[in-house]
Amino acid sequence: MIKKFALALTALSVLAGCKSTPEPIEEPTIIEIKFDPIRNCYPIEMLQKIDIPEVTKTVTAIVLIDNPPYEPIEREEERVVQLEPARTAYINPEGVEVTNICPDEPSEPATTAG
């Protein structure tokens, strides 16, 4: 009985030793993917520049000046109120105003022959 138990234990240890030995793993192959970056902005060369003038409104204001012991002095004044300041806008070929304009790309430095 002890012989059978020792034989079974030896067989199990041999099988366990075979299963626990890892096989060598080969190095993964790295594939480099090259692509052009996607631009989500418009180059300024393809846009049309338009100048939008300021929006103003002329209003009439009534000014009351206290003048005791006499009647208050009432005077009308016209004032120009600016509703929107003047600005520069850029539109794309479809005629839609765009705000995402690509920044100027730095020019490559010129090499000098020596």
PDB file of N, CA and C in Angstrom:
ATOM      1  N   MET A   1       0.821  -1.173   0.000  1.00  0.00           N
ATOM      2  CA  MET A   1       0.000   0.000   0.000  1.00  0.00           C
ATOM      3  C   MET A   1       0.878   1.254   0.000  1.00  0.00           C
ATOM      4  N   ILE A   2       1.938   1.235   0.779  1.00  0.00           N
ATOM      5  CA  ILE A   2       2.837   2.367   0.839  1.00  0.00           C
ATOM      6  C   ILE A   2       3.578   2.486  -0.480  1.00  0.00           C
ATOM      7  N   LYS A   3       3.896   1.337  -1.116  1.00  0.00           N
ATOM      8  CA  LYS A   3       4.581   1.383  -2.406  1.00  0.00           C
ATOM      9  C   LYS A   3       3.690   2.056  -3.446  1.00  0.00           C
ATOM     10  N   LYS A   4       2.382   1.712  -3.434  1.00  0.00           N
ATOM     11  CA  LYS A   4       1.450   2.306  -4.413  1.00  0.00           C
ATOM     12  C   LYS A   4       1.321   3.810  -4.171  1.00  0.00           C
ATOM     13  N   PHE A   5       1.272   4.166  -2.921  1.00  0.00           N
ATOM     14  CA  PHE A   5       1.145   5.586  -2.578  1.00  0.00           C
ATOM     15  C   PHE A   5       2.392   6.355  -3.005  1.00  0.00           C
ATOM     16  N   ALA A   6       3.570   5.801  -2.757  1.00  0.00           N
ATOM     17  CA  ALA A   6       4.828   6.445  -3.146  1.00  0.00           C
ATOM     18  C   ALA A   6       4.934   6.527  -4.665  1.00  0.00           C
ATOM     19  N   LEU A   7       4.477   5.477  -5.373  1.00  0.00           N
ATOM     20  CA  LEU A   7       4.515   5.474  -6.833  1.00  0.00           C
ATOM     21  C   LEU A   7       3.559   6.533  -7.394  1.00  0.00           C
ATOM     22  N   ALA A   8       2.392   6.658  -6.828  1.00  0.00           N
ATOM     23  CA  ALA A   8       1.415   7.654  -7.276  1.00  0.00           C
ATOM     24  C   ALA A   8       1.938   9.061  -7.003  1.00  0.00           C
ATOM     25  N   LEU A   9       2.566   9.239  -5.836  1.00  0.00           N
ATOM     26  CA  LEU A   9       3.114  10.546  -5.492  1.00  0.00           C
ATOM     27  C   LEU A   9       4.258  10.923  -6.423  1.00  0.00           C
ATOM     28  N   THR A  10       5.087   9.971  -6.800  1.00  0.00           N
ATOM     29  CA  THR A  10       6.181  10.233  -7.739  1.00  0.00           C
ATOM     30  C   THR A  10       5.634  10.586  -9.113  1.00  0.00           C
ATOM     31  N   ALA A  11       4.623   9.846  -9.562  1.00  0.00           N
ATOM     32  CA  ALA A  11       4.022  10.107 -10.875  1.00  0.00           C
ATOM     33  C   ALA A  11       3.387  11.499 -10.898  1.00  0.00           C
ATOM     34  N   LEU A  12       2.726  11.870  -9.828  1.00  0.00           N
ATOM     35  CA  LEU A  12       2.102  13.192  -9.756  1.00  0.00           C
ATOM     36  C   LEU A  12       3.148  14.300  -9.759  1.00  0.00           C
ATOM     37  N   SER A  13       4.231  14.106  -9.047  1.00  0.00           N
ATOM     38  CA  SER A  13       5.264  15.135  -9.005  1.00  0.00           C
ATOM     39  C   SER A  13       5.951  15.289 -10.355  1.00  0.00           C
ATOM     40  N   VAL A  14       6.115  14.185 -11.106  1.00  0.00           N
ATOM     41  CA  VAL A  14       6.710  14.251 -12.447  1.00  0.00           C
ATOM     42  C   VAL A  14       5.773  14.993 -13.383  1.00  0.00           C
ATOM     43  N   LEU A  15       4.486  14.656 -13.327  1.00  0.00           N
ATOM     44  CA  LEU A  15       3.519  15.340 -14.190  1.00  0.00           C
ATOM     45  C   LEU A  15       3.387  16.811 -13.806  1.00  0.00           C
ATOM     46  N   ALA A  16       3.398  17.114 -12.535  1.00  0.00           N
ATOM     47  CA  ALA A  16       3.285  18.500 -12.081  1.00  0.00           C
ATOM     48  C   ALA A  16       4.501  19.303 -12.517  1.00  0.00           C
ATOM     49  N   GLY A  17       5.658  18.681 -12.491  1.00  0.00           N
ATOM     50  CA  GLY A  17       6.875  19.365 -12.920  1.00  0.00           C
ATOM     51  C   GLY A  17       6.837  19.688 -14.401  1.00  0.00           C
ATOM     52  N   CYS A  18       6.254  18.842 -15.199  1.00  0.00           N
ATOM     53  CA  CYS A  18       6.169  19.098 -16.647  1.00  0.00           C
ATOM     54  C   CYS A  18       5.204  20.226 -16.932  1.00  0.00           C
ATOM     55  N   LYS A  19       4.122  20.269 -16.213  1.00  0.00           N
ATOM     56  CA  LYS A  19       3.113  21.300 -16.478  1.00  0.00           C
ATOM     57  C   LYS A  19       3.548  22.668 -15.990  1.00  0.00           C
ATOM     58  N   SER A  20       4.344  22.740 -14.946  1.00  0.00           N
ATOM     59  CA  SER A  20       4.690  24.039 -14.380  1.00  0.00           C
ATOM     60  C   SER A  20       5.861  24.699 -15.097  1.00  0.00           C
ATOM     61  N   THR A  21       6.555  23.995 -15.962  1.00  0.00           N
ATOM     62  CA  THR A  21       7.670  24.589 -16.682  1.00  0.00           C
ATOM     63  C   THR A  21       7.116  25.395 -17.853  1.00  0.00           C
ATOM     64  N   PRO A  22       7.267  26.727 -17.846  1.00  0.00           N
ATOM     65  CA  PRO A  22       6.701  27.526 -18.939  1.00  0.00           C
ATOM     66  C   PRO A  22       7.534  27.388 -20.204  1.00  0.00           C
ATOM     67  N   GLU A  23       6.821  27.437 -21.312  1.00  0.00           N
ATOM     68  CA  GLU A  23       7.513  27.416 -22.602  1.00  0.00           C
ATOM     69  C   GLU A  23       8.039  28.820 -22.868  1.00  0.00           C
ATOM     70  N   PRO A  24       9.136  28.929 -23.563  1.00  0.00           N
ATOM     71  CA  PRO A  24       9.675  30.265 -23.842  1.00  0.00           C
ATOM     72  C   PRO A  24       8.705  31.054 -24.730  1.00  0.00           C
ATOM     73  N   ILE A  25       8.545  32.325 -24.389  1.00  0.00           N
ATOM     74  CA  ILE A  25       7.641  33.203 -25.145  1.00  0.00           C
ATOM     75  C   ILE A  25       8.487  34.015 -26.104  1.00  0.00           C
ATOM     76  N   GLU A  26       8.108  33.996 -27.351  1.00  0.00           N
ATOM     77  CA  GLU A  26       8.868  34.777 -28.324  1.00  0.00           C
ATOM     78  C   GLU A  26       8.458  36.241 -28.224  1.00  0.00           C
ATOM     79  N   GLU A  27       9.408  37.101 -28.511  1.00  0.00           N
ATOM     80  CA  GLU A  27       9.182  38.535 -28.400  1.00  0.00           C
ATOM     81  C   GLU A  27       8.100  38.969 -29.385  1.00  0.00           C
ATOM     82  N   PRO A  28       7.211  39.882 -28.972  1.00  0.00           N
ATOM     83  CA  PRO A  28       6.181  40.359 -29.896  1.00  0.00           C
ATOM     84  C   PRO A  28       6.789  41.243 -30.982  1.00  0.00           C
ATOM     85  N   THR A  29       6.201  41.172 -32.143  1.00  0.00           N
ATOM     86  CA  THR A  29       6.645  41.994 -33.256  1.00  0.00           C
ATOM     87  C   THR A  29       5.942  43.336 -33.169  1.00  0.00           C
ATOM     88  N   ILE A  30       6.708  44.424 -33.173  1.00  0.00           N
ATOM     89  CA  ILE A  30       6.136  45.764 -33.088  1.00  0.00           C
ATOM     90  C   ILE A  30       5.939  46.287 -34.501  1.00  0.00           C
ATOM     91  N   ILE A  31       4.702  46.636 -34.794  1.00  0.00           N
ATOM     92  CA  ILE A  31       4.367  47.196 -36.102  1.00  0.00           C
ATOM     93  C   ILE A  31       4.152  48.686 -35.912  1.00  0.00           C
ATOM     94  N   GLU A  32       4.936  49.496 -36.601  1.00  0.00           N
ATOM     95  CA  GLU A  32       4.811  50.942 -36.484  1.00  0.00           C
ATOM     96  C   GLU A  32       3.875  51.441 -37.578  1.00  0.00           C
ATOM     97  N   ILE A  33       2.841  52.108 -37.153  1.00  0.00           N
ATOM     98  CA  ILE A  33       1.859  52.649 -38.092  1.00  0.00           C
ATOM     99  C   ILE A  33       2.128  54.131 -38.253  1.00  0.00           C
ATOM    100  N   LYS A  34       2.330  54.556 -39.476  1.00  0.00           N
ATOM    101  CA  LYS A  34       2.577  55.966 -39.751  1.00  0.00           C
ATOM    102  C   LYS A  34       1.349  56.529 -40.457  1.00  0.00           C
ATOM    103  N   PHE A  35       0.927  57.696 -40.006  1.00  0.00           N
ATOM    104  CA  PHE A  35      -0.213  58.352 -40.620  1.00  0.00           C
ATOM    105  C   PHE A  35      -0.034  59.853 -40.514  1.00  0.00           C
ATOM    106  N   ASP A  36      -0.720  60.554 -41.395  1.00  0.00           N
ATOM    107  CA  ASP A  36      -0.698  62.011 -41.355  1.00  0.00           C
ATOM    108  C   ASP A  36      -1.640  62.470 -40.252  1.00  0.00           C
ATOM    109  N   PRO A  37      -1.269  63.477 -39.500  1.00  0.00           N
ATOM    110  CA  PRO A  37      -2.160  63.943 -38.439  1.00  0.00           C
ATOM    111  C   PRO A  37      -3.435  64.543 -39.034  1.00  0.00           C
ATOM    112  N   ILE A  38      -4.515  64.348 -38.340  1.00  0.00           N
ATOM    113  CA  ILE A  38      -5.801  64.888 -38.782  1.00  0.00           C
ATOM    114  C   ILE A  38      -5.895  66.322 -38.283  1.00  0.00           C
ATOM    115  N   ARG A  39      -6.206  67.218 -39.182  1.00  0.00           N
ATOM    116  CA  ARG A  39      -6.337  68.618 -38.802  1.00  0.00           C
ATOM    117  C   ARG A  39      -7.805  68.931 -38.552  1.00  0.00           C
ATOM    118  N   ASN A  40      -8.068  69.569 -37.453  1.00  0.00           N
ATOM    119  CA  ASN A  40      -9.426  70.006 -37.179  1.00  0.00           C
ATOM    120  C   ASN A  40      -9.487  71.532 -37.161  1.00  0.00           C
ATOM    121  N   CYS A  41      -8.614  72.127 -37.970  1.00  0.00           N
ATOM    122  CA  CYS A  41      -8.600  73.573 -38.094  1.00  0.00           C
ATOM    123  C   CYS A  41      -8.418  73.935 -39.571  1.00  0.00           C
ATOM    124  N   TYR A  42      -8.661  75.198 -39.875  1.00  0.00           N
ATOM    125  CA  TYR A  42      -8.551  75.681 -41.249  1.00  0.00           C
ATOM    126  C   TYR A  42      -7.264  76.483 -41.416  1.00  0.00           C
ATOM    127  N   PRO A  43      -6.465  76.191 -42.454  1.00  0.00           N
ATOM    128  CA  PRO A  43      -5.309  77.056 -42.738  1.00  0.00           C
ATOM    129  C   PRO A  43      -5.813  78.429 -43.166  1.00  0.00           C
ATOM    130  N   ILE A  44      -5.140  79.462 -42.747  1.00  0.00           N
ATOM    131  CA  ILE A  44      -5.615  80.821 -43.006  1.00  0.00           C
ATOM    132  C   ILE A  44      -5.599  81.143 -44.502  1.00  0.00           C
ATOM    133  N   GLU A  45      -4.779  80.405 -45.275  1.00  0.00           N
ATOM    134  CA  GLU A  45      -4.697  80.677 -46.715  1.00  0.00           C
ATOM    135  C   GLU A  45      -6.009  80.337 -47.432  1.00  0.00           C
ATOM    136  N   MET A  46      -6.784  79.413 -46.899  1.00  0.00           N
ATOM    137  CA  MET A  46      -8.015  79.011 -47.597  1.00  0.00           C
ATOM    138  C   MET A  46      -9.244  79.763 -47.087  1.00  0.00           C
ATOM    139  N   LEU A  47      -9.050  80.742 -46.203  1.00  0.00           N
ATOM    140  CA  LEU A  47     -10.170  81.505 -45.661  1.00  0.00           C
ATOM    141  C   LEU A  47     -10.196  82.909 -46.231  1.00  0.00           C
ATOM    142  N   GLN A  48     -11.392  83.480 -46.233  1.00  0.00           N
ATOM    143  CA  GLN A  48     -11.551  84.855 -46.699  1.00  0.00           C
ATOM    144  C   GLN A  48     -11.747  85.750 -45.478  1.00  0.00           C
ATOM    145  N   LYS A  49     -10.971  86.824 -45.420  1.00  0.00           N
ATOM    146  CA  LYS A  49     -11.036  87.753 -44.287  1.00  0.00           C
ATOM    147  C   LYS A  49     -12.071  88.827 -44.580  1.00  0.00           C
ATOM    148  N   ILE A  50     -12.959  89.065 -43.614  1.00  0.00           N
ATOM    149  CA  ILE A  50     -13.944  90.142 -43.756  1.00  0.00           C
ATOM    150  C   ILE A  50     -13.895  90.991 -42.486  1.00  0.00           C
ATOM    151  N   ASP A  51     -14.066  92.302 -42.673  1.00  0.00           N
ATOM    152  CA  ASP A  51     -14.107  93.232 -41.548  1.00  0.00           C
ATOM    153  C   ASP A  51     -15.558  93.584 -41.279  1.00  0.00           C
ATOM    154  N   ILE A  52     -16.006  93.341 -40.063  1.00  0.00           N
ATOM    155  CA  ILE A  52     -17.386  93.635 -39.673  1.00  0.00           C
ATOM    156  C   ILE A  52     -17.354  94.923 -38.858  1.00  0.00           C
ATOM    157  N   PRO A  53     -18.088  95.961 -39.317  1.00  0.00           N
ATOM    158  CA  PRO A  53     -18.062  97.229 -38.578  1.00  0.00           C
ATOM    159  C   PRO A  53     -18.825  97.117 -37.260  1.00  0.00           C
ATOM    160  N   GLU A  54     -18.592  98.087 -36.392  1.00  0.00           N
ATOM    161  CA  GLU A  54     -19.284  98.074 -35.114  1.00  0.00           C
ATOM    162  C   GLU A  54     -20.775  98.331 -35.322  1.00  0.00           C
ATOM    163  N   VAL A  55     -21.584  97.826 -34.400  1.00  0.00           N
ATOM    164  CA  VAL A  55     -23.025  98.032 -34.442  1.00  0.00           C
ATOM    165  C   VAL A  55     -23.358  99.051 -33.364  1.00  0.00           C
ATOM    166  N   THR A  56     -23.964 100.162 -33.799  1.00  0.00           N
ATOM    167  CA  THR A  56     -24.311 101.223 -32.858  1.00  0.00           C
ATOM    168  C   THR A  56     -25.796 101.537 -32.961  1.00  0.00           C
ATOM    169  N   LYS A  57     -26.271 102.239 -31.961  1.00  0.00           N
ATOM    170  CA  LYS A  57     -27.672 102.661 -31.944  1.00  0.00           C
ATOM    171  C   LYS A  57     -27.702 104.068 -31.349  1.00  0.00           C
ATOM    172  N   THR A  58     -28.455 104.954 -31.979  1.00  0.00           N
ATOM    173  CA  THR A  58     -28.591 106.309 -31.470  1.00  0.00           C
ATOM    174  C   THR A  58     -29.840 106.369 -30.598  1.00  0.00           C
ATOM    175  N   VAL A  59     -29.665 106.818 -29.366  1.00  0.00           N
ATOM    176  CA  VAL A  59     -30.790 106.916 -28.433  1.00  0.00           C
ATOM    177  C   VAL A  59     -30.914 108.355 -27.955  1.00  0.00           C
ATOM    178  N   THR A  60     -32.105 108.708 -27.548  1.00  0.00           N
ATOM    179  CA  THR A  60     -32.362 110.036 -27.000  1.00  0.00           C
ATOM    180  C   THR A  60     -32.556 109.889 -25.507  1.00  0.00           C
ATOM    181  N   ALA A  61     -31.803 110.660 -24.747  1.00  0.00           N
ATOM    182  CA  ALA A  61     -31.899 110.626 -23.289  1.00  0.00           C
ATOM    183  C   ALA A  61     -32.438 111.958 -22.794  1.00  0.00           C
ATOM    184  N   ILE A  62     -33.305 111.901 -21.809  1.00  0.00           N
ATOM    185  CA  ILE A  62     -33.838 113.117 -21.189  1.00  0.00           C
ATOM    186  C   ILE A  62     -33.088 113.312 -19.871  1.00  0.00           C
ATOM    187  N   VAL A  63     -32.461 114.464 -19.743  1.00  0.00           N
ATOM    188  CA  VAL A  63     -31.659 114.769 -18.558  1.00  0.00           C
ATOM    189  C   VAL A  63     -32.412 115.807 -17.737  1.00  0.00           C
ATOM    190  N   LEU A  64     -32.611 115.502 -16.442  1.00  0.00           N
ATOM    191  CA  LEU A  64     -33.249 116.443 -15.521  1.00  0.00           C
ATOM    192  C   LEU A  64     -32.196 116.982 -14.570  1.00  0.00           C
ATOM    193  N   ILE A  65     -32.101 118.296 -14.488  1.00  0.00           N
ATOM    194  CA  ILE A  65     -31.154 118.932 -13.583  1.00  0.00           C
ATOM    195  C   ILE A  65     -31.964 119.686 -12.530  1.00  0.00           C
ATOM    196  N   ASP A  66     -31.720 119.354 -11.254  1.00  0.00           N
ATOM    197  CA  ASP A  66     -32.414 120.079 -10.180  1.00  0.00           C
ATOM    198  C   ASP A  66     -31.982 121.543 -10.191  1.00  0.00           C
ATOM    199  N   ASN A  67     -32.957 122.427  -9.973  1.00  0.00           N
ATOM    200  CA  ASN A  67     -32.687 123.863  -9.988  1.00  0.00           C
ATOM    201  C   ASN A  67     -33.563 124.565  -8.942  1.00  0.00           C
ATOM    202  N   PRO A  68     -33.328 124.214  -7.670  1.00  0.00           N
ATOM    203  CA  PRO A  68     -34.214 124.842  -6.670  1.00  0.00           C
ATOM    204  C   PRO A  68     -33.919 126.339  -6.558  1.00  0.00           C
ATOM    205  N   PRO A  69     -34.771 127.121  -6.281  1.00  0.00           N
ATOM    206  CA  PRO A  69     -36.200 127.011  -6.006  1.00  0.00           C
ATOM    207  C   PRO A  69     -37.056 127.036  -7.264  1.00  0.00           C
ATOM    208  N   TYR A  70     -36.434 126.911  -8.429  1.00  0.00           N
ATOM    209  CA  TYR A  70     -37.190 126.964  -9.675  1.00  0.00           C
ATOM    210  C   TYR A  70     -37.490 125.544 -10.155  1.00  0.00           C
ATOM    211  N   GLU A  71     -38.159 125.490 -11.285  1.00  0.00           N
ATOM    212  CA  GLU A  71     -38.484 124.202 -11.915  1.00  0.00           C
ATOM    213  C   GLU A  71     -37.187 123.511 -12.359  1.00  0.00           C
ATOM    214  N   PRO A  72     -37.154 122.170 -12.332  1.00  0.00           N
ATOM    215  CA  PRO A  72     -35.946 121.490 -12.836  1.00  0.00           C
ATOM    216  C   PRO A  72     -35.736 121.762 -14.321  1.00  0.00           C
ATOM    217  N   ILE A  73     -34.505 121.739 -14.711  1.00  0.00           N
ATOM    218  CA  ILE A  73     -34.166 121.976 -16.121  1.00  0.00           C
ATOM    219  C   ILE A  73     -34.199 120.621 -16.823  1.00  0.00           C
ATOM    220  N   GLU A  74     -34.952 120.598 -17.898  1.00  0.00           N
ATOM    221  CA  GLU A  74     -35.090 119.355 -18.672  1.00  0.00           C
ATOM    222  C   GLU A  74     -34.412 119.552 -20.014  1.00  0.00           C
ATOM    223  N   ARG A  75     -33.567 118.560 -20.373  1.00  0.00           N
ATOM    224  CA  ARG A  75     -32.845 118.685 -21.628  1.00  0.00           C
ATOM    225  C   ARG A  75     -32.768 117.320 -22.296  1.00  0.00           C
ATOM    226  N   GLU A  76     -32.902 117.317 -23.620  1.00  0.00           N
ATOM    227  CA  GLU A  76     -32.786 116.067 -24.399  1.00  0.00           C
ATOM    228  C   GLU A  76     -31.394 115.998 -25.009  1.00  0.00           C
ATOM    229  N   GLU A  77     -30.795 114.813 -24.906  1.00  0.00           N
ATOM    230  CA  GLU A  77     -29.480 114.603 -25.500  1.00  0.00           C
ATOM    231  C   GLU A  77     -29.520 113.345 -26.344  1.00  0.00           C
ATOM    232  N   GLU A  78     -28.863 113.409 -27.478  1.00  0.00           N
ATOM    233  CA  GLU A  78     -28.717 112.204 -28.308  1.00  0.00           C
ATOM    234  C   GLU A  78     -27.378 111.558 -27.989  1.00  0.00           C
ATOM    235  N   ARG A  79     -27.410 110.242 -27.782  1.00  0.00           N
ATOM    236  CA  ARG A  79     -26.195 109.504 -27.489  1.00  0.00           C
ATOM    237  C   ARG A  79     -26.090 108.313 -28.434  1.00  0.00           C
ATOM    238  N   VAL A  80     -24.864 108.002 -28.788  1.00  0.00           N
ATOM    239  CA  VAL A  80     -24.602 106.833 -29.634  1.00  0.00           C
ATOM    240  C   VAL A  80     -24.094 105.725 -28.717  1.00  0.00           C
ATOM    241  N   VAL A  81     -24.819 104.603 -28.713  1.00  0.00           N
ATOM    242  CA  VAL A  81     -24.478 103.472 -27.862  1.00  0.00           C
ATOM    243  C   VAL A  81     -23.905 102.363 -28.743  1.00  0.00           C
ATOM    244  N   GLN A  82     -22.769 101.827 -28.353  1.00  0.00           N
ATOM    245  CA  GLN A  82     -22.148 100.733 -29.109  1.00  0.00           C
ATOM    246  C   GLN A  82     -22.734  99.411 -28.620  1.00  0.00           C
ATOM    247  N   LEU A  83     -23.382  98.676 -29.532  1.00  0.00           N
ATOM    248  CA  LEU A  83     -23.961  97.384 -29.181  1.00  0.00           C
ATOM    249  C   LEU A  83     -22.955  96.254 -29.376  1.00  0.00           C
ATOM    250  N   GLU A  84     -22.191  96.305 -30.476  1.00  0.00           N
ATOM    251  CA  GLU A  84     -21.156  95.303 -30.751  1.00  0.00           C
ATOM    252  C   GLU A  84     -19.930  96.018 -31.294  1.00  0.00           C
ATOM    253  N   PRO A  85     -18.729  95.662 -30.818  1.00  0.00           N
ATOM    254  CA  PRO A  85     -17.525  96.310 -31.346  1.00  0.00           C
ATOM    255  C   PRO A  85     -17.187  95.801 -32.749  1.00  0.00           C
ATOM    256  N   ALA A  86     -16.375  96.561 -33.448  1.00  0.00           N
ATOM    257  CA  ALA A  86     -15.912  96.134 -34.767  1.00  0.00           C
ATOM    258  C   ALA A  86     -15.003  94.924 -34.595  1.00  0.00           C
ATOM    259  N   ARG A  87     -15.026  94.005 -35.575  1.00  0.00           N
ATOM    260  CA  ARG A  87     -14.196  92.808 -35.470  1.00  0.00           C
ATOM    261  C   ARG A  87     -13.849  92.296 -36.858  1.00  0.00           C
ATOM    262  N   THR A  88     -12.881  91.413 -36.888  1.00  0.00           N
ATOM    263  CA  THR A  88     -12.467  90.755 -38.120  1.00  0.00           C
ATOM    264  C   THR A  88     -12.914  89.305 -38.048  1.00  0.00           C
ATOM    265  N   ALA A  89     -13.520  88.816 -39.120  1.00  0.00           N
ATOM    266  CA  ALA A  89     -13.993  87.431 -39.153  1.00  0.00           C
ATOM    267  C   ALA A  89     -13.406  86.740 -40.375  1.00  0.00           C
ATOM    268  N   TYR A  90     -13.373  85.430 -40.326  1.00  0.00           N
ATOM    269  CA  TYR A  90     -12.893  84.620 -41.439  1.00  0.00           C
ATOM    270  C   TYR A  90     -13.996  83.649 -41.829  1.00  0.00           C
ATOM    271  N   ILE A  91     -14.226  83.523 -43.147  1.00  0.00           N
ATOM    272  CA  ILE A  91     -15.239  82.588 -43.625  1.00  0.00           C
ATOM    273  C   ILE A  91     -14.580  81.568 -44.543  1.00  0.00           C
ATOM    274  N   ASN A  92     -15.103  80.351 -44.518  1.00  0.00           N
ATOM    275  CA  ASN A  92     -14.572  79.283 -45.366  1.00  0.00           C
ATOM    276  C   ASN A  92     -15.221  79.351 -46.746  1.00  0.00           C
ATOM    277  N   PRO A  93     -14.809  78.505 -47.690  1.00  0.00           N
ATOM    278  CA  PRO A  93     -15.381  78.562 -49.042  1.00  0.00           C
ATOM    279  C   PRO A  93     -16.899  78.346 -49.086  1.00  0.00           C
ATOM    280  N   GLU A  94     -17.477  77.697 -48.072  1.00  0.00           N
ATOM    281  CA  GLU A  94     -18.922  77.506 -48.034  1.00  0.00           C
ATOM    282  C   GLU A  94     -19.653  78.738 -47.516  1.00  0.00           C
ATOM    283  N   GLY A  95     -18.913  79.737 -47.037  1.00  0.00           N
ATOM    284  CA  GLY A  95     -19.524  80.968 -46.545  1.00  0.00           C
ATOM    285  C   GLY A  95     -19.864  80.932 -45.072  1.00  0.00           C
ATOM    286  N   VAL A  96     -19.323  79.971 -44.339  1.00  0.00           N
ATOM    287  CA  VAL A  96     -19.591  79.845 -42.910  1.00  0.00           C
ATOM    288  C   VAL A  96     -18.430  80.454 -42.131  1.00  0.00           C
ATOM    289  N   GLU A  97     -18.754  81.242 -41.102  1.00  0.00           N
ATOM    290  CA  GLU A  97     -17.703  81.848 -40.279  1.00  0.00           C
ATOM    291  C   GLU A  97     -17.023  80.768 -39.449  1.00  0.00           C
ATOM    292  N   VAL A  98     -15.691  80.798 -39.440  1.00  0.00           N
ATOM    293  CA  VAL A  98     -14.934  79.800 -38.680  1.00  0.00           C
ATOM    294  C   VAL A  98     -14.094  80.500 -37.615  1.00  0.00           C
ATOM    295  N   THR A  99     -13.899  79.790 -36.519  1.00  0.00           N
ATOM    296  CA  THR A  99     -13.074  80.331 -35.437  1.00  0.00           C
ATOM    297  C   THR A  99     -11.870  79.434 -35.162  1.00  0.00           C
ATOM    298  N   ASN A 100     -11.868  78.221 -35.718  1.00  0.00           N
ATOM    299  CA  ASN A 100     -10.754  77.294 -35.477  1.00  0.00           C
ATOM    300  C   ASN A 100      -9.740  77.410 -36.613  1.00  0.00           C
ATOM    301  N   ILE A 101      -8.887  78.418 -36.509  1.00  0.00           N
ATOM    302  CA  ILE A 101      -7.868  78.686 -37.522  1.00  0.00           C
ATOM    303  C   ILE A 101      -6.559  78.078 -37.034  1.00  0.00           C
ATOM    304  N   CYS A 102      -5.868  77.369 -37.934  1.00  0.00           N
ATOM    305  CA  CYS A 102      -4.609  76.718 -37.565  1.00  0.00           C
ATOM    306  C   CYS A 102      -3.565  77.773 -37.207  1.00  0.00           C
ATOM    307  N   PRO A 103      -2.788  77.526 -36.170  1.00  0.00           N
ATOM    308  CA  PRO A 103      -1.708  78.467 -35.851  1.00  0.00           C
ATOM    309  C   PRO A 103      -0.638  78.408 -36.932  1.00  0.00           C
ATOM    310  N   ASP A 104       0.107  79.490 -37.048  1.00  0.00           N
ATOM    311  CA  ASP A 104       1.193  79.527 -38.030  1.00  0.00           C
ATOM    312  C   ASP A 104       2.216  78.463 -37.680  1.00  0.00           C
ATOM    313  N   GLU A 105       2.574  77.658 -38.683  1.00  0.00           N
ATOM    314  CA  GLU A 105       3.587  76.632 -38.465  1.00  0.00           C
ATOM    315  C   GLU A 105       4.959  77.283 -38.558  1.00  0.00           C
ATOM    316  N   PRO A 106       5.847  76.953 -37.653  1.00  0.00           N
ATOM    317  CA  PRO A 106       7.177  77.574 -37.701  1.00  0.00           C
ATOM    318  C   PRO A 106       7.914  77.142 -38.963  1.00  0.00           C
ATOM    319  N   SER A 107       8.539  78.092 -39.603  1.00  0.00           N
ATOM    320  CA  SER A 107       9.287  77.769 -40.819  1.00  0.00           C
ATOM    321  C   SER A 107      10.595  77.092 -40.428  1.00  0.00           C
ATOM    322  N   GLU A 108      11.056  76.220 -41.298  1.00  0.00           N
ATOM    323  CA  GLU A 108      12.297  75.478 -41.021  1.00  0.00           C
ATOM    324  C   GLU A 108      13.487  76.434 -41.166  1.00  0.00           C
ATOM    325  N   PRO A 109      14.458  76.351 -40.278  1.00  0.00           N
ATOM    326  CA  PRO A 109      15.610  77.237 -40.389  1.00  0.00           C
ATOM    327  C   PRO A 109      16.420  76.911 -41.648  1.00  0.00           C
ATOM    328  N   ALA A 110      16.876  77.943 -42.289  1.00  0.00           N
ATOM    329  CA  ALA A 110      17.661  77.764 -43.517  1.00  0.00           C
ATOM    330  C   ALA A 110      19.067  77.310 -43.155  1.00  0.00           C
ATOM    331  N   THR A 111      19.551  76.360 -43.911  1.00  0.00           N
ATOM    332  CA  THR A 111      20.915  75.890 -43.659  1.00  0.00           C
ATOM    333  C   THR A 111      21.871  76.696 -44.520  1.00  0.00           C
ATOM    334  N   THR A 112      23.005  77.014 -43.966  1.00  0.00           N
ATOM    335  CA  THR A 112      23.992  77.786 -44.716  1.00  0.00           C
ATOM    336  C   THR A 112      25.128  76.867 -45.147  1.00  0.00           C
ATOM    337  N   ALA A 113      25.572  77.061 -46.362  1.00  0.00           N
ATOM    338  CA  ALA A 113      26.684  76.258 -46.883  1.00  0.00           C
ATOM    339  C   ALA A 113      27.980  76.850 -46.354  1.00  0.00           C
ATOM    340  N   GLY A 114      28.859  75.999 -45.893  1.00  0.00           N
ATOM    341  CA  GLY A 114      30.067  76.524 -45.270  1.00  0.00           C
ATOM    342  C   GLY A 114      31.282  76.223 -45.984  1.00  0.00           C
TER     343      GLY A 114
END
